Amino acid sequence: MIAETVCSAVSAAGLGIAAITAYRKRFLSATRIFAYSLVPVGLVLTGVVGWVADIVFKPSVWLGFGMLAVAWLLFITTRAVERRSGGTRKERKAAARAAEPGAVAPAAPEPALPGRTGAQPQAAARPAPQAKAAAPKAAAPTEDFSDIEEILKKHGI
């Protein structure tokens, strides 16, 4: 009952604003405001307002929404834990099969991704500082830039 009264008052206010806007010769805006002001009355006449009022004021409905929220949080939490622990069940089964005696080891280990733990030890992921210092420096590029120089000279640069 109260919801219907509020919707009627909102529609009446919208119609008044639409009339003032039309008086100011802004007919396009007035038509748009008139359309918006018809929406609350239409919702009351279709019964949507009563349905929403029943949902809002029933404790059992809110309990249902709470249960849905808890279920959603549990799904999200399990996904986050799964990602942090090193993969899905399928990946853990593959790792267990590879650890069995007589199993063929993969050729090269995959690089560890940032934020993931448990897949590889940190020492294996990073090269030793001595190895980094002993690595030969990359040779200077031996490309020919003559064509680029010609273009620059052609444009006076």
Protein backbone atom coordinates (compact mmCIF):
# COMPACT_ATOMS: atom_id res chain seq x y z
CA MET A 1 0.00 0.00 0.00
CA ILE A 2 2.76 2.43 0.93
CA ALA A 3 4.85 1.43 -2.09
CA GLU A 4 1.96 2.16 -4.44
CA THR A 5 1.45 5.57 -2.87
CA VAL A 6 5.14 6.43 -3.18
CA CYS A 7 5.21 5.33 -6.81
CA SER A 8 2.14 7.44 -7.57
CA ALA A 9 3.72 10.49 -5.93
CA VAL A 10 6.95 10.00 -7.90
CA SER A 11 4.96 9.76 -11.13
CA ALA A 12 2.97 12.89 -10.32
CA ALA A 13 6.19 14.81 -9.58
CA GLY A 14 7.68 13.58 -12.86
CA LEU A 15 4.62 14.71 -14.79
CA GLY A 16 4.87 18.15 -13.18
CA ILE A 17 8.55 18.45 -14.10
CA ALA A 18 7.73 17.32 -17.66
CA ALA A 19 5.04 20.03 -17.90
CA ILE A 20 7.45 22.73 -16.73
CA THR A 21 10.08 21.51 -19.20
CA ALA A 22 7.54 21.57 -22.06
CA TYR A 23 6.50 25.10 -21.06
CA ARG A 24 10.16 26.12 -21.54
CA LYS A 25 9.98 24.81 -25.13
CA ARG A 26 12.26 21.80 -24.45
CA PHE A 27 9.90 19.22 -25.89
CA LEU A 28 12.43 16.42 -26.37
CA SER A 29 13.52 16.57 -22.73
CA ALA A 30 9.91 16.92 -21.60
CA THR A 31 8.93 13.77 -23.51
CA ARG A 32 11.84 11.85 -21.99
CA ILE A 33 10.90 13.00 -18.44
CA PHE A 34 7.26 12.08 -19.12
CA ALA A 35 8.36 8.58 -20.16
CA TYR A 36 10.43 8.17 -16.99
CA SER A 37 7.52 9.33 -14.85
CA LEU A 38 5.26 6.62 -16.30
CA VAL A 39 7.61 3.81 -15.21
CA PRO A 40 6.67 3.74 -11.47
CA VAL A 41 2.94 3.59 -12.24
CA GLY A 42 3.55 0.84 -14.77
CA LEU A 43 5.49 -1.16 -12.19
CA VAL A 44 2.63 -0.81 -9.69
CA LEU A 45 0.02 -1.90 -12.24
CA THR A 46 2.03 -4.98 -13.30
CA GLY A 47 2.51 -6.12 -9.70
CA VAL A 48 6.30 -5.82 -9.70
CA VAL A 49 6.24 -3.40 -6.77
CA GLY A 50 4.24 -5.81 -4.62
CA TRP A 51 6.58 -8.68 -5.54
CA VAL A 52 9.68 -6.62 -4.63
CA ALA A 53 8.07 -5.50 -1.38
CA ASP A 54 7.40 -9.14 -0.48
CA ILE A 55 11.05 -10.00 -1.16
CA VAL A 56 12.44 -7.09 0.84
CA PHE A 57 10.34 -7.62 3.95
CA LYS A 58 10.61 -11.43 4.33
CA PRO A 59 13.41 -12.67 6.61
CA SER A 60 13.51 -16.04 4.85
CA VAL A 61 14.39 -14.31 1.59
CA TRP A 62 17.27 -12.49 3.26
CA LEU A 63 18.43 -15.78 4.76
CA GLY A 64 18.46 -17.23 1.24
CA PHE A 65 20.50 -14.30 -0.06
CA GLY A 66 22.90 -14.78 2.85
CA MET A 67 23.34 -18.46 1.99
CA LEU A 68 24.02 -17.61 -1.64
CA ALA A 69 26.63 -15.08 -0.53
CA VAL A 70 28.34 -17.64 1.72
CA ALA A 71 28.38 -20.19 -1.11
CA TRP A 72 29.88 -17.61 -3.47
CA LEU A 73 32.57 -16.71 -0.90
CA LEU A 74 33.44 -20.39 -0.45
CA PHE A 75 33.83 -20.85 -4.20
CA ILE A 76 36.07 -17.80 -4.45
CA THR A 77 38.16 -18.88 -1.45
CA THR A 78 38.73 -22.36 -2.81
CA ARG A 79 39.80 -20.95 -6.18
CA ALA A 80 42.29 -18.63 -4.48
CA VAL A 81 43.73 -21.44 -2.36
CA GLU A 82 43.95 -23.69 -5.41
CA ARG A 83 45.87 -21.07 -7.35
CA ARG A 84 48.30 -20.45 -4.48
CA SER A 85 48.91 -24.15 -3.80
CA GLY A 86 50.26 -24.83 -7.25
CA GLY A 87 47.48 -25.81 -9.54
CA THR A 88 44.42 -27.91 -10.05
CA ARG A 89 43.77 -31.55 -9.23
CA LYS A 90 44.76 -32.48 -12.76
CA GLU A 91 48.16 -30.79 -12.39
CA ARG A 92 48.76 -32.44 -8.99
CA LYS A 93 47.94 -35.88 -10.43
CA ALA A 94 50.40 -35.31 -13.27
CA ALA A 95 53.07 -34.29 -10.76
CA ALA A 96 52.37 -37.40 -8.65
CA ARG A 97 52.69 -39.64 -11.72
CA ALA A 98 55.99 -38.01 -12.61
CA ALA A 99 57.29 -38.61 -9.08
CA GLU A 100 56.60 -42.36 -9.25
CA PRO A 101 59.66 -44.61 -9.60
CA GLY A 102 60.35 -45.47 -13.22
CA ALA A 103 58.52 -42.44 -14.55
CA VAL A 104 60.17 -40.34 -17.22
CA ALA A 105 61.10 -36.89 -15.96
CA PRO A 106 60.24 -33.86 -18.11
CA ALA A 107 63.04 -32.46 -20.24
CA ALA A 108 63.12 -28.96 -18.76
CA PRO A 109 61.29 -27.56 -15.72
CA GLU A 110 58.81 -24.77 -16.32
CA PRO A 111 59.79 -21.36 -14.96
CA ALA A 112 58.10 -20.43 -11.70
CA LEU A 113 55.46 -17.73 -11.96
CA PRO A 114 55.50 -14.83 -9.50
CA GLY A 115 53.18 -15.43 -6.58
CA ARG A 116 53.09 -19.22 -7.01
CA THR A 117 54.81 -21.39 -4.46
CA GLY A 118 55.24 -25.07 -4.04
CA ALA A 119 55.86 -25.84 -7.70
CA GLN A 120 59.64 -25.33 -7.64
CA PRO A 121 62.16 -24.28 -5.04
CA GLN A 122 63.28 -20.67 -5.21
CA ALA A 123 66.95 -21.62 -5.57
CA ALA A 124 66.24 -23.46 -8.81
CA ALA A 125 64.24 -20.56 -10.21
CA ARG A 126 67.07 -18.03 -9.86
CA PRO A 127 70.57 -18.45 -11.31
CA ALA A 128 73.48 -18.21 -8.89
CA PRO A 129 75.21 -14.80 -8.73
CA GLN A 130 78.53 -16.38 -9.81
CA ALA A 131 76.96 -17.88 -12.91
CA LYS A 132 75.50 -14.52 -13.83
CA ALA A 133 78.91 -12.81 -13.57
CA ALA A 134 80.64 -15.56 -15.55
CA ALA A 135 78.18 -15.42 -18.43
CA PRO A 136 79.69 -13.90 -21.57
CA LYS A 137 78.41 -10.49 -22.56
CA ALA A 138 76.18 -10.33 -25.61
CA ALA A 139 77.94 -9.31 -28.77
CA ALA A 140 77.14 -5.92 -30.24
CA PRO A 141 74.57 -6.04 -33.04
CA THR A 142 76.17 -6.37 -36.43
CA GLU A 143 73.24 -5.05 -38.44
CA ASP A 144 73.80 -2.65 -41.28
CA PHE A 145 72.08 0.71 -40.74
CA SER A 146 73.08 2.19 -44.09
CA ASP A 147 69.50 2.21 -45.39
CA ILE A 148 68.33 4.12 -42.30
CA GLU A 149 71.17 6.61 -42.71
CA GLU A 150 70.16 7.19 -46.35
CA ILE A 151 66.57 7.91 -45.33
CA LEU A 152 67.71 10.33 -42.65
CA LYS A 153 70.06 12.13 -45.08
CA LYS A 154 67.27 12.32 -47.66
CA HIS A 155 65.11 14.18 -45.13
CA GLY A 156 67.96 16.41 -44.05
CA ILE A 157 68.40 14.95 -40.58
